[in-house]
Amino acid sequence: MVSAAPPAEAPLRSARERLLQTLAYEAGGLLLVTPLFSQGSAIGLADSFTLLLMLSGVVMAWAAVFNTVVDRLEARHRGRSASERPAAARLAHALGLEGGAVLLTWPVIHAASHLGWWAALGADLALTAAYAAYGYVFHRLFDLWRPVRSAG
Protein backbone atom coordinates (compact mmCIF):
# COMPACT_ATOMS: atom_id res chain seq x y z
CA MET A 1 0.00 0.00 0.00
CA VAL A 2 1.41 3.36 -1.04
CA SER A 3 0.73 6.31 1.24
CA ALA A 4 0.23 9.78 -0.14
CA ALA A 5 2.93 12.33 0.49
CA PRO A 6 2.03 14.97 3.07
CA PRO A 7 0.86 18.27 1.59
CA ALA A 8 3.53 20.89 0.97
CA GLU A 9 3.77 23.70 3.49
CA ALA A 10 1.65 26.62 2.35
CA PRO A 11 2.92 30.16 2.89
CA LEU A 12 1.62 32.04 5.93
CA ARG A 13 1.06 35.71 6.63
CA SER A 14 3.90 37.54 8.33
CA ALA A 15 3.39 39.01 11.79
CA ARG A 16 3.23 42.45 10.15
CA GLU A 17 0.52 41.29 7.72
CA ARG A 18 -1.41 39.67 10.57
CA LEU A 19 -1.26 42.93 12.56
CA LEU A 20 -2.47 44.94 9.56
CA GLN A 21 -5.29 42.46 8.98
CA THR A 22 -6.38 42.55 12.63
CA LEU A 23 -6.27 46.35 12.94
CA ALA A 24 -8.15 46.87 9.66
CA TYR A 25 -10.78 44.33 10.71
CA GLU A 26 -11.37 45.92 14.11
CA ALA A 27 -11.38 49.51 12.82
CA GLY A 28 -13.91 48.65 10.12
CA GLY A 29 -16.03 46.75 12.61
CA LEU A 30 -16.09 49.67 15.05
CA LEU A 31 -17.17 52.07 12.31
CA LEU A 32 -19.96 49.79 11.12
CA VAL A 33 -21.24 48.31 14.37
CA THR A 34 -21.02 51.12 16.97
CA PRO A 35 -24.03 53.10 15.68
CA LEU A 36 -26.11 49.93 15.35
CA PHE A 37 -25.18 48.73 18.84
CA SER A 38 -25.95 52.14 20.34
CA GLN A 39 -29.37 52.24 18.76
CA GLY A 40 -30.24 48.63 19.64
CA SER A 41 -28.99 48.73 23.24
CA ALA A 42 -30.14 52.21 24.26
CA ILE A 43 -26.56 52.90 25.35
CA GLY A 44 -25.28 56.28 24.19
CA LEU A 45 -23.00 56.48 21.17
CA ALA A 46 -19.91 57.51 23.18
CA ASP A 47 -20.46 54.78 25.79
CA SER A 48 -21.15 52.24 23.04
CA PHE A 49 -17.91 53.22 21.33
CA THR A 50 -15.98 52.89 24.61
CA LEU A 51 -17.50 49.48 25.33
CA LEU A 52 -16.90 48.23 21.80
CA LEU A 53 -13.34 49.55 21.92
CA MET A 54 -12.75 47.48 25.08
CA LEU A 55 -14.30 44.46 23.39
CA SER A 56 -12.12 45.15 20.36
CA GLY A 57 -8.99 44.89 22.51
CA VAL A 58 -10.11 41.53 23.89
CA VAL A 59 -11.09 40.28 20.46
CA MET A 60 -7.90 41.51 18.77
CA ALA A 61 -5.80 39.42 21.12
CA TRP A 62 -8.11 36.43 20.61
CA ALA A 63 -8.16 36.88 16.82
CA ALA A 64 -4.38 37.06 16.55
CA VAL A 65 -4.01 33.76 18.40
CA PHE A 66 -6.98 32.04 16.71
CA ASN A 67 -6.05 33.11 13.17
CA THR A 68 -2.43 32.10 13.57
CA VAL A 69 -3.34 28.67 14.95
CA VAL A 70 -5.99 28.05 12.25
CA ASP A 71 -3.66 29.18 9.46
CA ARG A 72 -0.84 26.93 10.69
CA LEU A 73 -3.13 23.93 11.09
CA GLU A 74 -4.64 24.51 7.65
CA ALA A 75 -1.21 24.89 6.05
CA ARG A 76 0.08 21.74 7.75
CA HIS A 77 -2.97 19.52 7.19
CA ARG A 78 -4.49 20.93 4.00
CA GLY A 79 -1.42 22.39 2.31
CA ARG A 80 -3.11 25.70 1.58
CA SER A 81 -2.81 29.29 2.72
CA ALA A 82 -5.58 31.48 4.09
CA SER A 83 -5.91 33.08 0.64
CA GLU A 84 -6.85 29.68 -0.79
CA ARG A 85 -9.48 28.87 1.85
CA PRO A 86 -12.77 27.66 0.29
CA ALA A 87 -16.15 29.14 1.27
CA ALA A 88 -17.10 26.39 3.74
CA ALA A 89 -13.78 26.73 5.55
CA ARG A 90 -14.21 30.53 5.62
CA LEU A 91 -17.62 30.10 7.23
CA ALA A 92 -16.24 27.69 9.84
CA HIS A 93 -13.35 30.10 10.49
CA ALA A 94 -15.68 33.08 11.01
CA LEU A 95 -18.02 31.14 13.31
CA GLY A 96 -15.14 29.69 15.35
CA LEU A 97 -13.57 33.09 15.78
CA GLU A 98 -16.81 34.72 16.91
CA GLY A 99 -17.91 31.77 19.06
CA GLY A 100 -14.69 31.95 21.05
CA ALA A 101 -15.03 35.70 21.29
CA VAL A 102 -18.47 35.37 22.96
CA LEU A 103 -16.95 33.40 25.82
CA LEU A 104 -14.43 36.18 26.37
CA THR A 105 -16.64 39.25 25.82
CA TRP A 106 -19.95 38.35 27.48
CA PRO A 107 -18.63 39.09 31.00
CA VAL A 108 -17.11 42.37 29.75
CA ILE A 109 -20.44 43.53 28.29
CA HIS A 110 -22.22 42.65 31.52
CA ALA A 111 -19.66 44.42 33.73
CA ALA A 112 -19.32 47.57 31.60
CA SER A 113 -23.00 48.23 30.86
CA HIS A 114 -26.35 48.43 32.59
CA LEU A 115 -27.30 45.12 30.95
CA GLY A 116 -28.04 42.03 33.05
CA TRP A 117 -26.41 38.69 32.24
CA TRP A 118 -29.10 37.53 29.79
CA ALA A 119 -29.41 40.91 28.10
CA ALA A 120 -25.61 41.06 27.85
CA LEU A 121 -25.64 37.62 26.25
CA GLY A 122 -28.31 38.79 23.79
CA ALA A 123 -26.24 41.86 22.95
CA ASP A 124 -23.13 39.70 22.58
CA LEU A 125 -24.94 37.27 20.27
CA ALA A 126 -26.20 40.18 18.15
CA LEU A 127 -22.64 41.51 17.96
CA THR A 128 -21.44 38.01 17.09
CA ALA A 129 -23.91 37.71 14.21
CA ALA A 130 -22.94 41.13 12.89
CA TYR A 131 -19.21 40.43 13.17
CA ALA A 132 -19.49 36.92 11.70
CA ALA A 133 -21.17 38.29 8.57
CA TYR A 134 -18.73 41.20 8.44
CA GLY A 135 -15.78 38.83 9.06
CA TYR A 136 -16.72 36.57 6.16
CA VAL A 137 -16.81 39.51 3.75
CA PHE A 138 -13.81 41.32 5.25
CA HIS A 139 -11.44 38.34 5.17
CA ARG A 140 -12.38 37.46 1.59
CA LEU A 141 -11.76 41.05 0.48
CA PHE A 142 -8.54 41.25 2.50
CA ASP A 143 -7.26 38.05 0.88
CA LEU A 144 -8.04 39.48 -2.56
CA TRP A 145 -6.36 42.79 -1.69
CA ARG A 146 -3.31 41.24 -0.01
CA PRO A 147 -2.97 37.57 -0.99
CA VAL A 148 -0.43 35.43 0.82
CA ARG A 149 2.68 35.15 -1.35
CA SER A 150 5.25 32.37 -1.46
CA ALA A 151 8.50 33.16 0.30
CA GLY A 152 10.57 32.09 -2.70
C-alpha atoms as a PDB file:
ATOM      1  CA  MET A   1       0.000   0.000   0.000  1.00  0.00           C
ATOM      2  CA  VAL A   2       1.410   3.359  -1.037  1.00  0.00           C
ATOM      3  CA  SER A   3       0.728   6.306   1.235  1.00  0.00           C
ATOM      4  CA  ALA A   4       0.228   9.778  -0.143  1.00  0.00           C
ATOM      5  CA  ALA A   5       2.930  12.332   0.489  1.00  0.00           C
ATOM      6  CA  PRO A   6       2.026  14.969   3.071  1.00  0.00           C
ATOM      7  CA  PRO A   7       0.858  18.270   1.595  1.00  0.00           C
ATOM      8  CA  ALA A   8       3.527  20.889   0.972  1.00  0.00           C
ATOM      9  CA  GLU A   9       3.773  23.701   3.490  1.00  0.00           C
ATOM     10  CA  ALA A  10       1.646  26.620   2.353  1.00  0.00           C
ATOM     11  CA  PRO A  11       2.915  30.158   2.887  1.00  0.00           C
ATOM     12  CA  LEU A  12       1.623  32.037   5.935  1.00  0.00           C
ATOM     13  CA  ARG A  13       1.060  35.705   6.631  1.00  0.00           C
ATOM     14  CA  SER A  14       3.898  37.535   8.334  1.00  0.00           C
ATOM     15  CA  ALA A  15       3.388  39.013  11.788  1.00  0.00           C
ATOM     16  CA  ARG A  16       3.231  42.449  10.148  1.00  0.00           C
ATOM     17  CA  GLU A  17       0.520  41.291   7.722  1.00  0.00           C
ATOM     18  CA  ARG A  18      -1.410  39.673  10.574  1.00  0.00           C
ATOM     19  CA  LEU A  19      -1.257  42.930  12.560  1.00  0.00           C
ATOM     20  CA  LEU A  20      -2.465  44.937   9.555  1.00  0.00           C
ATOM     21  CA  GLN A  21      -5.288  42.455   8.985  1.00  0.00           C
ATOM     22  CA  THR A  22      -6.382  42.552  12.627  1.00  0.00           C
ATOM     23  CA  LEU A  23      -6.266  46.355  12.943  1.00  0.00           C
ATOM     24  CA  ALA A  24      -8.145  46.872   9.664  1.00  0.00           C
ATOM     25  CA  TYR A  25     -10.780  44.329  10.707  1.00  0.00           C
ATOM     26  CA  GLU A  26     -11.368  45.916  14.113  1.00  0.00           C
ATOM     27  CA  ALA A  27     -11.383  49.509  12.817  1.00  0.00           C
ATOM     28  CA  GLY A  28     -13.913  48.653  10.116  1.00  0.00           C
ATOM     29  CA  GLY A  29     -16.032  46.748  12.606  1.00  0.00           C
ATOM     30  CA  LEU A  30     -16.090  49.665  15.050  1.00  0.00           C
ATOM     31  CA  LEU A  31     -17.172  52.069  12.313  1.00  0.00           C
ATOM     32  CA  LEU A  32     -19.959  49.786  11.119  1.00  0.00           C
ATOM     33  CA  VAL A  33     -21.240  48.307  14.373  1.00  0.00           C
ATOM     34  CA  THR A  34     -21.020  51.117  16.966  1.00  0.00           C
ATOM     35  CA  PRO A  35     -24.031  53.104  15.675  1.00  0.00           C
ATOM     36  CA  LEU A  36     -26.113  49.931  15.349  1.00  0.00           C
ATOM     37  CA  PHE A  37     -25.179  48.731  18.842  1.00  0.00           C
ATOM     38  CA  SER A  38     -25.948  52.138  20.339  1.00  0.00           C
ATOM     39  CA  GLN A  39     -29.375  52.239  18.763  1.00  0.00           C
ATOM     40  CA  GLY A  40     -30.239  48.632  19.645  1.00  0.00           C
ATOM     41  CA  SER A  41     -28.995  48.727  23.242  1.00  0.00           C
ATOM     42  CA  ALA A  42     -30.142  52.213  24.261  1.00  0.00           C
ATOM     43  CA  ILE A  43     -26.557  52.901  25.348  1.00  0.00           C
ATOM     44  CA  GLY A  44     -25.280  56.283  24.193  1.00  0.00           C
ATOM     45  CA  LEU A  45     -23.004  56.478  21.170  1.00  0.00           C
ATOM     46  CA  ALA A  46     -19.908  57.507  23.175  1.00  0.00           C
ATOM     47  CA  ASP A  47     -20.464  54.784  25.795  1.00  0.00           C
ATOM     48  CA  SER A  48     -21.154  52.243  23.040  1.00  0.00           C
ATOM     49  CA  PHE A  49     -17.912  53.221  21.332  1.00  0.00           C
ATOM     50  CA  THR A  50     -15.975  52.886  24.609  1.00  0.00           C
ATOM     51  CA  LEU A  51     -17.501  49.475  25.331  1.00  0.00           C
ATOM     52  CA  LEU A  52     -16.902  48.230  21.796  1.00  0.00           C
ATOM     53  CA  LEU A  53     -13.338  49.550  21.918  1.00  0.00           C
ATOM     54  CA  MET A  54     -12.752  47.477  25.077  1.00  0.00           C
ATOM     55  CA  LEU A  55     -14.299  44.460  23.385  1.00  0.00           C
ATOM     56  CA  SER A  56     -12.117  45.145  20.363  1.00  0.00           C
ATOM     57  CA  GLY A  57      -8.993  44.885  22.510  1.00  0.00           C
ATOM     58  CA  VAL A  58     -10.113  41.532  23.888  1.00  0.00           C
ATOM     59  CA  VAL A  59     -11.091  40.276  20.456  1.00  0.00           C
ATOM     60  CA  MET A  60      -7.896  41.515  18.768  1.00  0.00           C
ATOM     61  CA  ALA A  61      -5.799  39.422  21.125  1.00  0.00           C
ATOM     62  CA  TRP A  62      -8.108  36.433  20.615  1.00  0.00           C
ATOM     63  CA  ALA A  63      -8.155  36.879  16.816  1.00  0.00           C
ATOM     64  CA  ALA A  64      -4.376  37.058  16.551  1.00  0.00           C
ATOM     65  CA  VAL A  65      -4.010  33.759  18.398  1.00  0.00           C
ATOM     66  CA  PHE A  66      -6.980  32.039  16.711  1.00  0.00           C
ATOM     67  CA  ASN A  67      -6.054  33.108  13.165  1.00  0.00           C
ATOM     68  CA  THR A  68      -2.427  32.097  13.575  1.00  0.00           C
ATOM     69  CA  VAL A  69      -3.344  28.669  14.947  1.00  0.00           C
ATOM     70  CA  VAL A  70      -5.990  28.047  12.247  1.00  0.00           C
ATOM     71  CA  ASP A  71      -3.658  29.175   9.456  1.00  0.00           C
ATOM     72  CA  ARG A  72      -0.837  26.931  10.691  1.00  0.00           C
ATOM     73  CA  LEU A  73      -3.130  23.928  11.085  1.00  0.00           C
ATOM     74  CA  GLU A  74      -4.635  24.505   7.655  1.00  0.00           C
ATOM     75  CA  ALA A  75      -1.209  24.891   6.055  1.00  0.00           C
ATOM     76  CA  ARG A  76       0.078  21.742   7.747  1.00  0.00           C
ATOM     77  CA  HIS A  77      -2.971  19.523   7.190  1.00  0.00           C
ATOM     78  CA  ARG A  78      -4.486  20.925   3.996  1.00  0.00           C
ATOM     79  CA  GLY A  79      -1.417  22.391   2.309  1.00  0.00           C
ATOM     80  CA  ARG A  80      -3.114  25.696   1.578  1.00  0.00           C
ATOM     81  CA  SER A  81      -2.810  29.286   2.720  1.00  0.00           C
ATOM     82  CA  ALA A  82      -5.578  31.482   4.088  1.00  0.00           C
ATOM     83  CA  SER A  83      -5.913  33.082   0.642  1.00  0.00           C
ATOM     84  CA  GLU A  84      -6.850  29.683  -0.787  1.00  0.00           C
ATOM     85  CA  ARG A  85      -9.481  28.868   1.849  1.00  0.00           C
ATOM     86  CA  PRO A  86     -12.775  27.663   0.294  1.00  0.00           C
ATOM     87  CA  ALA A  87     -16.147  29.144   1.269  1.00  0.00           C
ATOM     88  CA  ALA A  88     -17.101  26.394   3.736  1.00  0.00           C
ATOM     89  CA  ALA A  89     -13.776  26.735   5.554  1.00  0.00           C
ATOM     90  CA  ARG A  90     -14.212  30.533   5.616  1.00  0.00           C
ATOM     91  CA  LEU A  91     -17.615  30.102   7.229  1.00  0.00           C
ATOM     92  CA  ALA A  92     -16.235  27.685   9.840  1.00  0.00           C
ATOM     93  CA  HIS A  93     -13.351  30.104  10.495  1.00  0.00           C
ATOM     94  CA  ALA A  94     -15.682  33.078  11.014  1.00  0.00           C
ATOM     95  CA  LEU A  95     -18.022  31.142  13.312  1.00  0.00           C
ATOM     96  CA  GLY A  96     -15.144  29.687  15.349  1.00  0.00           C
ATOM     97  CA  LEU A  97     -13.571  33.087  15.776  1.00  0.00           C
ATOM     98  CA  GLU A  98     -16.810  34.718  16.906  1.00  0.00           C
ATOM     99  CA  GLY A  99     -17.909  31.770  19.065  1.00  0.00           C
ATOM    100  CA  GLY A 100     -14.693  31.952  21.049  1.00  0.00           C
ATOM    101  CA  ALA A 101     -15.033  35.697  21.290  1.00  0.00           C
ATOM    102  CA  VAL A 102     -18.470  35.365  22.957  1.00  0.00           C
ATOM    103  CA  LEU A 103     -16.954  33.402  25.815  1.00  0.00           C
ATOM    104  CA  LEU A 104     -14.432  36.181  26.368  1.00  0.00           C
ATOM    105  CA  THR A 105     -16.640  39.250  25.822  1.00  0.00           C
ATOM    106  CA  TRP A 106     -19.952  38.348  27.479  1.00  0.00           C
ATOM    107  CA  PRO A 107     -18.628  39.095  31.001  1.00  0.00           C
ATOM    108  CA  VAL A 108     -17.112  42.372  29.754  1.00  0.00           C
ATOM    109  CA  ILE A 109     -20.443  43.530  28.286  1.00  0.00           C
ATOM    110  CA  HIS A 110     -22.215  42.650  31.523  1.00  0.00           C
ATOM    111  CA  ALA A 111     -19.660  44.418  33.729  1.00  0.00           C
ATOM    112  CA  ALA A 112     -19.318  47.566  31.602  1.00  0.00           C
ATOM    113  CA  SER A 113     -22.998  48.231  30.861  1.00  0.00           C
ATOM    114  CA  HIS A 114     -26.348  48.430  32.586  1.00  0.00           C
ATOM    115  CA  LEU A 115     -27.302  45.118  30.953  1.00  0.00           C
ATOM    116  CA  GLY A 116     -28.040  42.029  33.048  1.00  0.00           C
ATOM    117  CA  TRP A 117     -26.414  38.691  32.238  1.00  0.00           C
ATOM    118  CA  TRP A 118     -29.104  37.534  29.792  1.00  0.00           C
ATOM    119  CA  ALA A 119     -29.415  40.914  28.099  1.00  0.00           C
ATOM    120  CA  ALA A 120     -25.615  41.064  27.850  1.00  0.00           C
ATOM    121  CA  LEU A 121     -25.636  37.618  26.246  1.00  0.00           C
ATOM    122  CA  GLY A 122     -28.314  38.786  23.789  1.00  0.00           C
ATOM    123  CA  ALA A 123     -26.243  41.855  22.953  1.00  0.00           C
ATOM    124  CA  ASP A 124     -23.134  39.697  22.576  1.00  0.00           C
ATOM    125  CA  LEU A 125     -24.939  37.267  20.267  1.00  0.00           C
ATOM    126  CA  ALA A 126     -26.205  40.183  18.153  1.00  0.00           C
ATOM    127  CA  LEU A 127     -22.640  41.513  17.956  1.00  0.00           C
ATOM    128  CA  THR A 128     -21.443  38.010  17.087  1.00  0.00           C
ATOM    129  CA  ALA A 129     -23.913  37.710  14.211  1.00  0.00           C
ATOM    130  CA  ALA A 130     -22.941  41.134  12.887  1.00  0.00           C
ATOM    131  CA  TYR A 131     -19.208  40.433  13.174  1.00  0.00           C
ATOM    132  CA  ALA A 132     -19.490  36.918  11.697  1.00  0.00           C
ATOM    133  CA  ALA A 133     -21.167  38.294   8.568  1.00  0.00           C
ATOM    134  CA  TYR A 134     -18.725  41.196   8.442  1.00  0.00           C
ATOM    135  CA  GLY A 135     -15.778  38.825   9.056  1.00  0.00           C
ATOM    136  CA  TYR A 136     -16.719  36.570   6.164  1.00  0.00           C
ATOM    137  CA  VAL A 137     -16.808  39.509   3.753  1.00  0.00           C
ATOM    138  CA  PHE A 138     -13.807  41.321   5.249  1.00  0.00           C
ATOM    139  CA  HIS A 139     -11.438  38.338   5.166  1.00  0.00           C
ATOM    140  CA  ARG A 140     -12.379  37.461   1.588  1.00  0.00           C
ATOM    141  CA  LEU A 141     -11.757  41.048   0.477  1.00  0.00           C
ATOM    142  CA  PHE A 142      -8.536  41.255   2.497  1.00  0.00           C
ATOM    143  CA  ASP A 143      -7.260  38.047   0.876  1.00  0.00           C
ATOM    144  CA  LEU A 144      -8.041  39.478  -2.561  1.00  0.00           C
ATOM    145  CA  TRP A 145      -6.356  42.787  -1.692  1.00  0.00           C
ATOM    146  CA  ARG A 146      -3.310  41.241  -0.010  1.00  0.00           C
ATOM    147  CA  PRO A 147      -2.974  37.567  -0.986  1.00  0.00           C
ATOM    148  CA  VAL A 148      -0.432  35.428   0.818  1.00  0.00           C
ATOM    149  CA  ARG A 149       2.684  35.153  -1.346  1.00  0.00           C
ATOM    150  CA  SER A 150       5.247  32.370  -1.457  1.00  0.00           C
ATOM    151  CA  ALA A 151       8.498  33.156   0.302  1.00  0.00           C
ATOM    152  CA  GLY A 152      10.568  32.094  -2.700  1.00  0.00           C
END
